[in-house]
């Protein structure tokens, strides 16, 4: 499996509930196209615990997308590059709400 962690904040004019809906719509759209295996719900950072040691970032929200393999992940990237900036695209709707994103990818061994 190949995974992508998205770390981000929301722009001040957007509410978490609206982003969660937009992100879920985006994930379903990718699943219907066989471009992602799964997407986690949007999580809220819990930085008041010893378990959170990341002092480099101030992101409040996170999600993980999982792909069958690198080929599926690359196909998703290609699809977004071709279609993601369309004003009615699900990726554009969700991404327009995001501020300061960081993406981290890894593959299970």
PDB file of N, CA and C in Angstrom:
ATOM      1  N   UNK A   1       0.848  -1.187   0.000  1.00  0.00           N
ATOM      2  CA  UNK A   1       0.000   0.000   0.000  1.00  0.00           C
ATOM      3  C   UNK A   1       0.888   1.243   0.000  1.00  0.00           C
ATOM      4  N   UNK A   2       0.362   2.280  -0.576  1.00  0.00           N
ATOM      5  CA  UNK A   2       1.021   3.577  -0.686  1.00  0.00           C
ATOM      6  C   UNK A   2       0.093   4.571  -0.006  1.00  0.00           C
ATOM      7  N   UNK A   3       0.612   5.454   0.835  1.00  0.00           N
ATOM      8  CA  UNK A   3      -0.232   6.350   1.631  1.00  0.00           C
ATOM      9  C   UNK A   3       0.235   7.794   1.498  1.00  0.00           C
ATOM     10  N   UNK A   4      -0.702   8.702   1.676  1.00  0.00           N
ATOM     11  CA  UNK A   4      -0.386  10.127   1.698  1.00  0.00           C
ATOM     12  C   UNK A   4      -1.066  10.758   2.918  1.00  0.00           C
ATOM     13  N   UNK A   5      -0.260  11.350   3.764  1.00  0.00           N
ATOM     14  CA  UNK A   5      -0.759  12.119   4.904  1.00  0.00           C
ATOM     15  C   UNK A   5      -0.862  13.569   4.472  1.00  0.00           C
ATOM     16  N   UNK A   6      -2.016  14.160   4.652  1.00  0.00           N
ATOM     17  CA  UNK A   6      -2.223  15.581   4.391  1.00  0.00           C
ATOM     18  C   UNK A   6      -2.341  16.297   5.727  1.00  0.00           C
ATOM     19  N   UNK A   7      -1.502  17.305   5.929  1.00  0.00           N
ATOM     20  CA  UNK A   7      -1.533  18.147   7.124  1.00  0.00           C
ATOM     21  C   UNK A   7      -1.910  19.543   6.651  1.00  0.00           C
ATOM     22  N   UNK A   8      -2.848  20.186   7.305  1.00  0.00           N
ATOM     23  CA  UNK A   8      -3.306  21.470   6.787  1.00  0.00           C
ATOM     24  C   UNK A   8      -4.088  22.247   7.838  1.00  0.00           C
ATOM     25  N   UNK A   9      -4.296  23.491   7.544  1.00  0.00           N
ATOM     26  CA  UNK A   9      -5.223  24.353   8.267  1.00  0.00           C
ATOM     27  C   UNK A   9      -6.329  24.718   7.290  1.00  0.00           C
ATOM     28  N   UNK A  10      -7.380  25.292   7.793  1.00  0.00           N
ATOM     29  CA  UNK A  10      -8.448  25.793   6.930  1.00  0.00           C
ATOM     30  C   UNK A  10      -8.368  27.307   6.859  1.00  0.00           C
ATOM     31  N   UNK A  11      -8.708  27.830   5.715  1.00  0.00           N
ATOM     32  CA  UNK A  11      -8.796  29.289   5.594  1.00  0.00           C
ATOM     33  C   UNK A  11      -9.892  29.764   6.536  1.00  0.00           C
ATOM     34  N   UNK A  12      -9.738  30.950   7.117  1.00  0.00           N
ATOM     35  CA  UNK A  12     -10.665  31.418   8.162  1.00  0.00           C
ATOM     36  C   UNK A  12     -12.132  31.480   7.741  1.00  0.00           C
ATOM     37  N   UNK A  13     -12.385  31.652   6.474  1.00  0.00           N
ATOM     38  CA  UNK A  13     -13.783  31.787   6.042  1.00  0.00           C
ATOM     39  C   UNK A  13     -14.502  30.448   5.878  1.00  0.00           C
ATOM     40  N   UNK A  14     -13.805  29.329   6.127  1.00  0.00           N
ATOM     41  CA  UNK A  14     -14.424  28.011   5.948  1.00  0.00           C
ATOM     42  C   UNK A  14     -14.581  27.289   7.272  1.00  0.00           C
ATOM     43  N   UNK A  15     -15.653  26.537   7.377  1.00  0.00           N
ATOM     44  CA  UNK A  15     -15.952  25.746   8.565  1.00  0.00           C
ATOM     45  C   UNK A  15     -15.523  24.296   8.337  1.00  0.00           C
ATOM     46  N   UNK A  16     -15.157  23.626   9.417  1.00  0.00           N
ATOM     47  CA  UNK A  16     -14.714  22.245   9.331  1.00  0.00           C
ATOM     48  C   UNK A  16     -15.795  21.346   8.720  1.00  0.00           C
ATOM     49  N   UNK A  17     -17.030  21.541   9.093  1.00  0.00           N
ATOM     50  CA  UNK A  17     -18.107  20.698   8.557  1.00  0.00           C
ATOM     51  C   UNK A  17     -18.197  20.811   7.039  1.00  0.00           C
ATOM     52  N   UNK A  18     -18.018  22.016   6.518  1.00  0.00           N
ATOM     53  CA  UNK A  18     -18.054  22.207   5.063  1.00  0.00           C
ATOM     54  C   UNK A  18     -16.866  21.509   4.393  1.00  0.00           C
ATOM     55  N   UNK A  19     -15.691  21.607   5.013  1.00  0.00           N
ATOM     56  CA  UNK A  19     -14.534  20.934   4.435  1.00  0.00           C
ATOM     57  C   UNK A  19     -14.702  19.428   4.484  1.00  0.00           C
ATOM     58  N   UNK A  20     -15.189  18.908   5.597  1.00  0.00           N
ATOM     59  CA  UNK A  20     -15.380  17.455   5.700  1.00  0.00           C
ATOM     60  C   UNK A  20     -16.283  16.940   4.581  1.00  0.00           C
ATOM     61  N   UNK A  21     -17.338  17.662   4.268  1.00  0.00           N
ATOM     62  CA  UNK A  21     -18.229  17.251   3.178  1.00  0.00           C
ATOM     63  C   UNK A  21     -17.498  17.308   1.845  1.00  0.00           C
ATOM     64  N   UNK A  22     -16.787  18.393   1.595  1.00  0.00           N
ATOM     65  CA  UNK A  22     -16.059  18.539   0.331  1.00  0.00           C
ATOM     66  C   UNK A  22     -14.996  17.454   0.186  1.00  0.00           C
ATOM     67  N   UNK A  23     -14.290  17.153   1.267  1.00  0.00           N
ATOM     68  CA  UNK A  23     -13.252  16.122   1.222  1.00  0.00           C
ATOM     69  C   UNK A  23     -13.869  14.751   0.985  1.00  0.00           C
ATOM     70  N   UNK A  24     -14.973  14.465   1.658  1.00  0.00           N
ATOM     71  CA  UNK A  24     -15.648  13.177   1.451  1.00  0.00           C
ATOM     72  C   UNK A  24     -16.129  13.041   0.011  1.00  0.00           C
ATOM     73  N   UNK A  25     -16.676  14.111  -0.552  1.00  0.00           N
ATOM     74  CA  UNK A  25     -17.112  14.078  -1.956  1.00  0.00           C
ATOM     75  C   UNK A  25     -15.924  13.807  -2.884  1.00  0.00           C
ATOM     76  N   UNK A  26     -14.803  14.444  -2.613  1.00  0.00           N
ATOM     77  CA  UNK A  26     -13.594  14.240  -3.403  1.00  0.00           C
ATOM     78  C   UNK A  26     -13.127  12.785  -3.308  1.00  0.00           C
ATOM     79  N   UNK A  27     -13.094  12.241  -2.091  1.00  0.00           N
ATOM     80  CA  UNK A  27     -12.645  10.864  -1.893  1.00  0.00           C
ATOM     81  C   UNK A  27     -13.558   9.872  -2.617  1.00  0.00           C
ATOM     82  N   UNK A  28     -14.872  10.077  -2.519  1.00  0.00           N
ATOM     83  CA  UNK A  28     -15.813   9.189  -3.215  1.00  0.00           C
ATOM     84  C   UNK A  28     -15.599   9.274  -4.718  1.00  0.00           C
ATOM     85  N   UNK A  29     -15.402  10.467  -5.223  1.00  0.00           N
ATOM     86  CA  UNK A  29     -15.159  10.658  -6.659  1.00  0.00           C
ATOM     87  C   UNK A  29     -13.922   9.871  -7.098  1.00  0.00           C
ATOM     88  N   UNK A  30     -12.834   9.964  -6.326  1.00  0.00           N
ATOM     89  CA  UNK A  30     -11.630   9.207  -6.667  1.00  0.00           C
ATOM     90  C   UNK A  30     -11.857   7.702  -6.568  1.00  0.00           C
ATOM     91  N   UNK A  31     -12.632   7.264  -5.570  1.00  0.00           N
ATOM     92  CA  UNK A  31     -12.925   5.836  -5.441  1.00  0.00           C
ATOM     93  C   UNK A  31     -13.735   5.340  -6.638  1.00  0.00           C
ATOM     94  N   UNK A  32     -14.695   6.128  -7.081  1.00  0.00           N
ATOM     95  CA  UNK A  32     -15.506   5.735  -8.243  1.00  0.00           C
ATOM     96  C   UNK A  32     -14.655   5.593  -9.502  1.00  0.00           C
ATOM     97  N   UNK A  33     -13.563   6.339  -9.569  1.00  0.00           N
ATOM     98  CA  UNK A  33     -12.648   6.271 -10.717  1.00  0.00           C
ATOM     99  C   UNK A  33     -11.520   5.254 -10.500  1.00  0.00           C
ATOM    100  N   UNK A  34     -11.564   4.534  -9.381  1.00  0.00           N
ATOM    101  CA  UNK A  34     -10.519   3.579  -8.997  1.00  0.00           C
ATOM    102  C   UNK A  34      -9.155   4.254  -8.890  1.00  0.00           C
ATOM    103  N   UNK A  35      -9.148   5.455  -8.297  1.00  0.00           N
ATOM    104  CA  UNK A  35      -7.905   6.213  -8.131  1.00  0.00           C
ATOM    105  C   UNK A  35      -7.455   6.305  -6.677  1.00  0.00           C
ATOM    106  N   UNK A  36      -8.207   5.716  -5.767  1.00  0.00           N
ATOM    107  CA  UNK A  36      -7.819   5.662  -4.349  1.00  0.00           C
ATOM    108  C   UNK A  36      -8.530   4.462  -3.725  1.00  0.00           C
ATOM    109  N   UNK A  37      -7.880   3.842  -2.769  1.00  0.00           N
ATOM    110  CA  UNK A  37      -8.490   2.716  -2.062  1.00  0.00           C
ATOM    111  C   UNK A  37      -9.361   3.199  -0.908  1.00  0.00           C
ATOM    112  N   UNK A  38      -8.849   4.173  -0.146  1.00  0.00           N
ATOM    113  CA  UNK A  38      -9.610   4.684   0.990  1.00  0.00           C
ATOM    114  C   UNK A  38      -9.094   6.058   1.395  1.00  0.00           C
ATOM    115  N   UNK A  39      -9.922   6.755   2.152  1.00  0.00           N
ATOM    116  CA  UNK A  39      -9.545   8.048   2.722  1.00  0.00           C
ATOM    117  C   UNK A  39     -10.084   8.088   4.144  1.00  0.00           C
ATOM    118  N   UNK A  40      -9.236   8.488   5.062  1.00  0.00           N
ATOM    119  CA  UNK A  40      -9.669   8.587   6.455  1.00  0.00           C
ATOM    120  C   UNK A  40     -10.588   9.785   6.623  1.00  0.00           C
ATOM    121  N   UNK A  41     -11.352   9.788   7.694  1.00  0.00           N
ATOM    122  CA  UNK A  41     -12.055  11.026   8.032  1.00  0.00           C
ATOM    123  C   UNK A  41     -11.036  12.112   8.349  1.00  0.00           C
ATOM    124  N   UNK A  42     -11.446  13.355   8.297  1.00  0.00           N
ATOM    125  CA  UNK A  42     -10.562  14.464   8.653  1.00  0.00           C
ATOM    126  C   UNK A  42     -10.410  14.471  10.170  1.00  0.00           C
ATOM    127  N   UNK A  43      -9.169  14.400  10.619  1.00  0.00           N
ATOM    128  CA  UNK A  43      -8.886  14.389  12.046  1.00  0.00           C
ATOM    129  C   UNK A  43      -8.469  15.760  12.545  1.00  0.00           C
ATOM    130  N   UNK A  44      -8.695  15.989  13.808  1.00  0.00           N
ATOM    131  CA  UNK A  44      -8.324  17.243  14.465  1.00  0.00           C
ATOM    132  C   UNK A  44      -7.129  16.976  15.374  1.00  0.00           C
ATOM    133  N   UNK A  45      -6.117  17.768  15.241  1.00  0.00           N
ATOM    134  CA  UNK A  45      -4.887  17.595  16.012  1.00  0.00           C
ATOM    135  C   UNK A  45      -5.151  17.697  17.509  1.00  0.00           C
ATOM    136  N   UNK A  46      -4.460  16.858  18.245  1.00  0.00           N
ATOM    137  CA  UNK A  46      -4.509  16.869  19.705  1.00  0.00           C
ATOM    138  C   UNK A  46      -3.090  17.161  20.209  1.00  0.00           C
ATOM    139  N   UNK A  47      -2.701  18.427  20.161  1.00  0.00           N
ATOM    140  CA  UNK A  47      -1.319  18.781  20.494  1.00  0.00           C
ATOM    141  C   UNK A  47      -1.078  19.018  21.984  1.00  0.00           C
ATOM    142  N   UNK A  48      -2.076  18.736  22.792  1.00  0.00           N
ATOM    143  CA  UNK A  48      -1.921  18.920  24.234  1.00  0.00           C
ATOM    144  C   UNK A  48      -1.579  17.602  24.938  1.00  0.00           C
ATOM    145  N   UNK A  49      -1.040  16.652  24.172  1.00  0.00           N
ATOM    146  CA  UNK A  49      -0.637  15.375  24.741  1.00  0.00           C
ATOM    147  C   UNK A  49       0.835  15.123  24.442  1.00  0.00           C
ATOM    148  N   UNK A  50       1.478  14.347  25.281  1.00  0.00           N
ATOM    149  CA  UNK A  50       2.874  13.984  25.088  1.00  0.00           C
ATOM    150  C   UNK A  50       3.068  13.189  23.800  1.00  0.00           C
ATOM    151  N   UNK A  51       2.002  12.624  23.272  1.00  0.00           N
ATOM    152  CA  UNK A  51       2.086  11.842  22.039  1.00  0.00           C
ATOM    153  C   UNK A  51       2.341  12.715  20.817  1.00  0.00           C
ATOM    154  N   UNK A  52       2.111  14.005  20.922  1.00  0.00           N
ATOM    155  CA  UNK A  52       2.347  14.934  19.810  1.00  0.00           C
ATOM    156  C   UNK A  52       3.643  15.683  20.095  1.00  0.00           C
ATOM    157  N   UNK A  53       4.685  15.332  19.357  1.00  0.00           N
ATOM    158  CA  UNK A  53       6.000  15.948  19.579  1.00  0.00           C
ATOM    159  C   UNK A  53       6.436  16.836  18.420  1.00  0.00           C
ATOM    160  N   UNK A  54       5.543  17.107  17.482  1.00  0.00           N
ATOM    161  CA  UNK A  54       5.897  17.902  16.307  1.00  0.00           C
ATOM    162  C   UNK A  54       5.792  19.388  16.631  1.00  0.00           C
ATOM    163  N   UNK A  55       6.943  19.996  16.865  1.00  0.00           N
ATOM    164  CA  UNK A  55       6.954  21.437  17.150  1.00  0.00           C
ATOM    165  C   UNK A  55       7.265  22.247  15.890  1.00  0.00           C
ATOM    166  N   UNK A  56       7.464  21.578  14.767  1.00  0.00           N
ATOM    167  CA  UNK A  56       7.808  22.243  13.502  1.00  0.00           C
ATOM    168  C   UNK A  56       6.586  22.778  12.768  1.00  0.00           C
ATOM    169  N   UNK A  57       5.456  22.128  12.954  1.00  0.00           N
ATOM    170  CA  UNK A  57       4.236  22.482  12.218  1.00  0.00           C
ATOM    171  C   UNK A  57       3.131  22.904  13.177  1.00  0.00           C
ATOM    172  N   UNK A  58       2.248  23.745  12.670  1.00  0.00           N
ATOM    173  CA  UNK A  58       1.097  24.173  13.489  1.00  0.00           C
ATOM    174  C   UNK A  58      -0.221  23.770  12.830  1.00  0.00           C
ATOM    175  N   UNK A  59      -0.200  22.708  12.056  1.00  0.00           N
ATOM    176  CA  UNK A  59      -1.422  22.259  11.370  1.00  0.00           C
ATOM    177  C   UNK A  59      -2.433  21.724  12.374  1.00  0.00           C
ATOM    178  N   UNK A  60      -3.700  22.003  12.093  1.00  0.00           N
ATOM    179  CA  UNK A  60      -4.775  21.574  12.989  1.00  0.00           C
ATOM    180  C   UNK A  60      -5.536  20.367  12.474  1.00  0.00           C
ATOM    181  N   UNK A  61      -5.434  20.056  11.182  1.00  0.00           N
ATOM    182  CA  UNK A  61      -6.242  18.998  10.581  1.00  0.00           C
ATOM    183  C   UNK A  61      -5.377  18.049   9.773  1.00  0.00           C
ATOM    184  N   UNK A  62      -5.846  16.799   9.696  1.00  0.00           N
ATOM    185  CA  UNK A  62      -5.092  15.748   9.028  1.00  0.00           C
ATOM    186  C   UNK A  62      -6.035  14.767   8.348  1.00  0.00           C
ATOM    187  N   UNK A  63      -5.530  14.135   7.304  1.00  0.00           N
ATOM    188  CA  UNK A  63      -6.244  13.009   6.691  1.00  0.00           C
ATOM    189  C   UNK A  63      -5.210  12.128   6.010  1.00  0.00           C
ATOM    190  N   UNK A  64      -5.595  10.880   5.800  1.00  0.00           N
ATOM    191  CA  UNK A  64      -4.722   9.928   5.112  1.00  0.00           C
ATOM    192  C   UNK A  64      -5.498   9.324   3.954  1.00  0.00           C
ATOM    193  N   UNK A  65      -4.886   9.335   2.789  1.00  0.00           N
ATOM    194  CA  UNK A  65      -5.419   8.617   1.633  1.00  0.00           C
ATOM    195  C   UNK A  65      -4.517   7.420   1.394  1.00  0.00           C
ATOM    196  N   UNK A  66      -5.130   6.284   1.104  1.00  0.00           N
ATOM    197  CA  UNK A  66      -4.376   5.061   0.852  1.00  0.00           C
ATOM    198  C   UNK A  66      -4.644   4.577  -0.567  1.00  0.00           C
ATOM    199  N   UNK A  67      -3.576   4.166  -1.202  1.00  0.00           N
ATOM    200  CA  UNK A  67      -3.614   3.709  -2.586  1.00  0.00           C
ATOM    201  C   UNK A  67      -3.127   2.267  -2.643  1.00  0.00           C
ATOM    202  N   UNK A  68      -3.620   1.534  -3.590  1.00  0.00           N
ATOM    203  CA  UNK A  68      -3.247   0.134  -3.788  1.00  0.00           C
ATOM    204  C   UNK A  68      -1.730   0.001  -3.988  1.00  0.00           C
ATOM    205  N   UNK A  69      -1.176   0.947  -4.765  1.00  0.00           N
ATOM    206  CA  UNK A  69       0.248   0.912  -5.094  1.00  0.00           C
ATOM    207  C   UNK A  69       0.652   2.274  -5.651  1.00  0.00           C
ATOM    208  N   UNK A  70       1.901   2.402  -5.995  1.00  0.00           N
ATOM    209  CA  UNK A  70       2.414   3.665  -6.536  1.00  0.00           C
ATOM    210  C   UNK A  70       1.735   4.023  -7.852  1.00  0.00           C
ATOM    211  N   UNK A  71       1.435   3.022  -8.668  1.00  0.00           N
ATOM    212  CA  UNK A  71       0.790   3.279  -9.959  1.00  0.00           C
ATOM    213  C   UNK A  71      -0.581   3.943  -9.764  1.00  0.00           C
ATOM    214  N   UNK A  72      -1.357   3.476  -8.802  1.00  0.00           N
ATOM    215  CA  UNK A  72      -2.665   4.085  -8.546  1.00  0.00           C
ATOM    216  C   UNK A  72      -2.492   5.511  -8.029  1.00  0.00           C
ATOM    217  N   UNK A  73      -1.529   5.717  -7.143  1.00  0.00           N
ATOM    218  CA  UNK A  73      -1.274   7.063  -6.623  1.00  0.00           C
ATOM    219  C   UNK A  73      -0.858   8.000  -7.749  1.00  0.00           C
ATOM    220  N   UNK A  74       0.034   7.540  -8.614  1.00  0.00           N
ATOM    221  CA  UNK A  74       0.468   8.371  -9.739  1.00  0.00           C
ATOM    222  C   UNK A  74      -0.687   8.667 -10.694  1.00  0.00           C
ATOM    223  N   UNK A  75      -1.577   7.693 -10.893  1.00  0.00           N
ATOM    224  CA  UNK A  75      -2.746   7.916 -11.751  1.00  0.00           C
ATOM    225  C   UNK A  75      -3.664   8.980 -11.143  1.00  0.00           C
ATOM    226  N   UNK A  76      -3.801   8.984  -9.818  1.00  0.00           N
ATOM    227  CA  UNK A  76      -4.608  10.007  -9.148  1.00  0.00           C
ATOM    228  C   UNK A  76      -3.996  11.388  -9.337  1.00  0.00           C
ATOM    229  N   UNK A  77      -2.675  11.468  -9.208  1.00  0.00           N
ATOM    230  CA  UNK A  77      -1.986  12.744  -9.416  1.00  0.00           C
ATOM    231  C   UNK A  77      -2.191  13.228 -10.849  1.00  0.00           C
ATOM    232  N   UNK A  78      -2.050  12.326 -11.811  1.00  0.00           N
ATOM    233  CA  UNK A  78      -2.251  12.692 -13.218  1.00  0.00           C
ATOM    234  C   UNK A  78      -3.668  13.190 -13.450  1.00  0.00           C
ATOM    235  N   UNK A  79      -4.650  12.503 -12.864  1.00  0.00           N
ATOM    236  CA  UNK A  79      -6.047  12.906 -13.021  1.00  0.00           C
ATOM    237  C   UNK A  79      -6.278  14.305 -12.446  1.00  0.00           C
ATOM    238  N   UNK A  80      -5.742  14.552 -11.262  1.00  0.00           N
ATOM    239  CA  UNK A  80      -5.922  15.864 -10.623  1.00  0.00           C
ATOM    240  C   UNK A  80      -5.220  16.946 -11.434  1.00  0.00           C
ATOM    241  N   UNK A  81      -4.042  16.638 -11.947  1.00  0.00           N
ATOM    242  CA  UNK A  81      -3.316  17.626 -12.758  1.00  0.00           C
ATOM    243  C   UNK A  81      -4.117  18.009 -13.999  1.00  0.00           C
ATOM    244  N   UNK A  82      -4.825  17.060 -14.580  1.00  0.00           N
ATOM    245  CA  UNK A  82      -5.616  17.326 -15.781  1.00  0.00           C
ATOM    246  C   UNK A  82      -6.976  17.948 -15.477  1.00  0.00           C
ATOM    247  N   UNK A  83      -7.580  17.583 -14.331  1.00  0.00           N
ATOM    248  CA  UNK A  83      -8.967  17.963 -14.064  1.00  0.00           C
ATOM    249  C   UNK A  83      -9.175  18.736 -12.771  1.00  0.00           C
ATOM    250  N   UNK A  84      -8.195  18.774 -11.910  1.00  0.00           N
ATOM    251  CA  UNK A  84      -8.386  19.293 -10.561  1.00  0.00           C
ATOM    252  C   UNK A  84      -8.603  20.777 -10.438  1.00  0.00           C
ATOM    253  N   UNK A  85      -8.215  21.552 -11.408  1.00  0.00           N
ATOM    254  CA  UNK A  85      -8.379  22.988 -11.277  1.00  0.00           C
ATOM    255  C   UNK A  85      -9.644  23.498 -11.959  1.00  0.00           C
ATOM    256  N   UNK A  86     -10.430  22.589 -12.479  1.00  0.00           N
ATOM    257  CA  UNK A  86     -11.723  22.973 -13.035  1.00  0.00           C
ATOM    258  C   UNK A  86     -12.585  23.522 -11.896  1.00  0.00           C
ATOM    259  N   UNK A  87     -13.298  24.576 -12.140  1.00  0.00           N
ATOM    260  CA  UNK A  87     -14.068  25.239 -11.078  1.00  0.00           C
ATOM    261  C   UNK A  87     -15.089  24.310 -10.426  1.00  0.00           C
ATOM    262  N   UNK A  88     -15.569  23.295 -11.137  1.00  0.00           N
ATOM    263  CA  UNK A  88     -16.566  22.398 -10.561  1.00  0.00           C
ATOM    264  C   UNK A  88     -15.957  21.071 -10.098  1.00  0.00           C
ATOM    265  N   UNK A  89     -14.650  20.912 -10.157  1.00  0.00           N
ATOM    266  CA  UNK A  89     -13.997  19.670  -9.750  1.00  0.00           C
ATOM    267  C   UNK A  89     -14.027  19.523  -8.231  1.00  0.00           C
ATOM    268  N   UNK A  90     -14.242  18.289  -7.775  1.00  0.00           N
ATOM    269  CA  UNK A  90     -14.296  18.057  -6.335  1.00  0.00           C
ATOM    270  C   UNK A  90     -12.970  18.387  -5.657  1.00  0.00           C
ATOM    271  N   UNK A  91     -11.855  18.156  -6.322  1.00  0.00           N
ATOM    272  CA  UNK A  91     -10.557  18.486  -5.736  1.00  0.00           C
ATOM    273  C   UNK A  91     -10.426  19.991  -5.529  1.00  0.00           C
ATOM    274  N   UNK A  92     -10.819  20.753  -6.525  1.00  0.00           N
ATOM    275  CA  UNK A  92     -10.710  22.210  -6.433  1.00  0.00           C
ATOM    276  C   UNK A  92     -11.585  22.750  -5.302  1.00  0.00           C
ATOM    277  N   UNK A  93     -12.772  22.214  -5.150  1.00  0.00           N
ATOM    278  CA  UNK A  93     -13.674  22.681  -4.093  1.00  0.00           C
ATOM    279  C   UNK A  93     -13.047  22.460  -2.722  1.00  0.00           C
ATOM    280  N   UNK A  94     -12.516  21.260  -2.489  1.00  0.00           N
ATOM    281  CA  UNK A  94     -11.898  20.970  -1.190  1.00  0.00           C
ATOM    282  C   UNK A  94     -10.599  21.752  -1.015  1.00  0.00           C
ATOM    283  N   UNK A  95      -9.753  21.744  -2.039  1.00  0.00           N
ATOM    284  CA  UNK A  95      -8.439  22.373  -1.923  1.00  0.00           C
ATOM    285  C   UNK A  95      -8.543  23.886  -1.733  1.00  0.00           C
ATOM    286  N   UNK A  96      -9.584  24.502  -2.254  1.00  0.00           N
ATOM    287  CA  UNK A  96      -9.759  25.949  -2.113  1.00  0.00           C
ATOM    288  C   UNK A  96      -9.991  26.362  -0.653  1.00  0.00           C
ATOM    289  N   UNK A  97     -10.377  25.410   0.196  1.00  0.00           N
ATOM    290  CA  UNK A  97     -10.625  25.699   1.608  1.00  0.00           C
ATOM    291  C   UNK A  97      -9.370  25.564   2.464  1.00  0.00           C
ATOM    292  N   UNK A  98      -8.325  24.977   1.900  1.00  0.00           N
ATOM    293  CA  UNK A  98      -7.132  24.602   2.651  1.00  0.00           C
ATOM    294  C   UNK A  98      -6.105  25.733   2.679  1.00  0.00           C
ATOM    295  N   UNK A  99      -5.447  25.848   3.828  1.00  0.00           N
ATOM    296  CA  UNK A  99      -4.356  26.805   3.988  1.00  0.00           C
ATOM    297  C   UNK A  99      -3.126  26.047   4.478  1.00  0.00           C
ATOM    298  N   UNK A 100      -1.967  26.376   3.929  1.00  0.00           N
ATOM    299  CA  UNK A 100      -0.679  25.872   4.397  1.00  0.00           C
ATOM    300  C   UNK A 100      -0.586  24.341   4.393  1.00  0.00           C
ATOM    301  N   UNK A 101      -0.899  23.687   3.279  1.00  0.00           N
ATOM    302  CA  UNK A 101      -0.859  22.222   3.268  1.00  0.00           C
ATOM    303  C   UNK A 101       0.560  21.665   3.194  1.00  0.00           C
ATOM    304  N   UNK A 102       0.740  20.511   3.813  1.00  0.00           N
ATOM    305  CA  UNK A 102       1.965  19.720   3.711  1.00  0.00           C
ATOM    306  C   UNK A 102       1.522  18.294   3.445  1.00  0.00           C
ATOM    307  N   UNK A 103       2.178  17.627   2.501  1.00  0.00           N
ATOM    308  CA  UNK A 103       1.825  16.263   2.145  1.00  0.00           C
ATOM    309  C   UNK A 103       3.039  15.363   2.380  1.00  0.00           C
ATOM    310  N   UNK A 104       2.805  14.221   2.981  1.00  0.00           N
ATOM    311  CA  UNK A 104       3.863  13.252   3.276  1.00  0.00           C
ATOM    312  C   UNK A 104       3.414  11.902   2.736  1.00  0.00           C
ATOM    313  N   UNK A 105       4.275  11.245   1.963  1.00  0.00           N
ATOM    314  CA  UNK A 105       3.927   9.961   1.366  1.00  0.00           C
ATOM    315  C   UNK A 105       4.866   8.871   1.854  1.00  0.00           C
ATOM    316  N   UNK A 106       4.324   7.653   1.967  1.00  0.00           N
ATOM    317  CA  UNK A 106       5.143   6.491   2.323  1.00  0.00           C
ATOM    318  C   UNK A 106       4.507   5.244   1.757  1.00  0.00           C
ATOM    319  N   UNK A 107       5.324   4.205   1.669  1.00  0.00           N
ATOM    320  CA  UNK A 107       4.864   2.907   1.173  1.00  0.00           C
ATOM    321  C   UNK A 107       5.105   1.871   2.254  1.00  0.00           C
ATOM    322  N   UNK A 108       4.113   1.003   2.467  1.00  0.00           N
ATOM    323  CA  UNK A 108       4.306  -0.092   3.395  1.00  0.00           C
ATOM    324  C   UNK A 108       5.417  -1.002   2.878  1.00  0.00           C
ATOM    325  N   UNK A 109       6.154  -1.586   3.784  1.00  0.00           N
ATOM    326  CA  UNK A 109       7.235  -2.477   3.334  1.00  0.00           C
ATOM    327  C   UNK A 109       6.777  -3.915   3.347  1.00  0.00           C
TER     328      UNK A 109
END
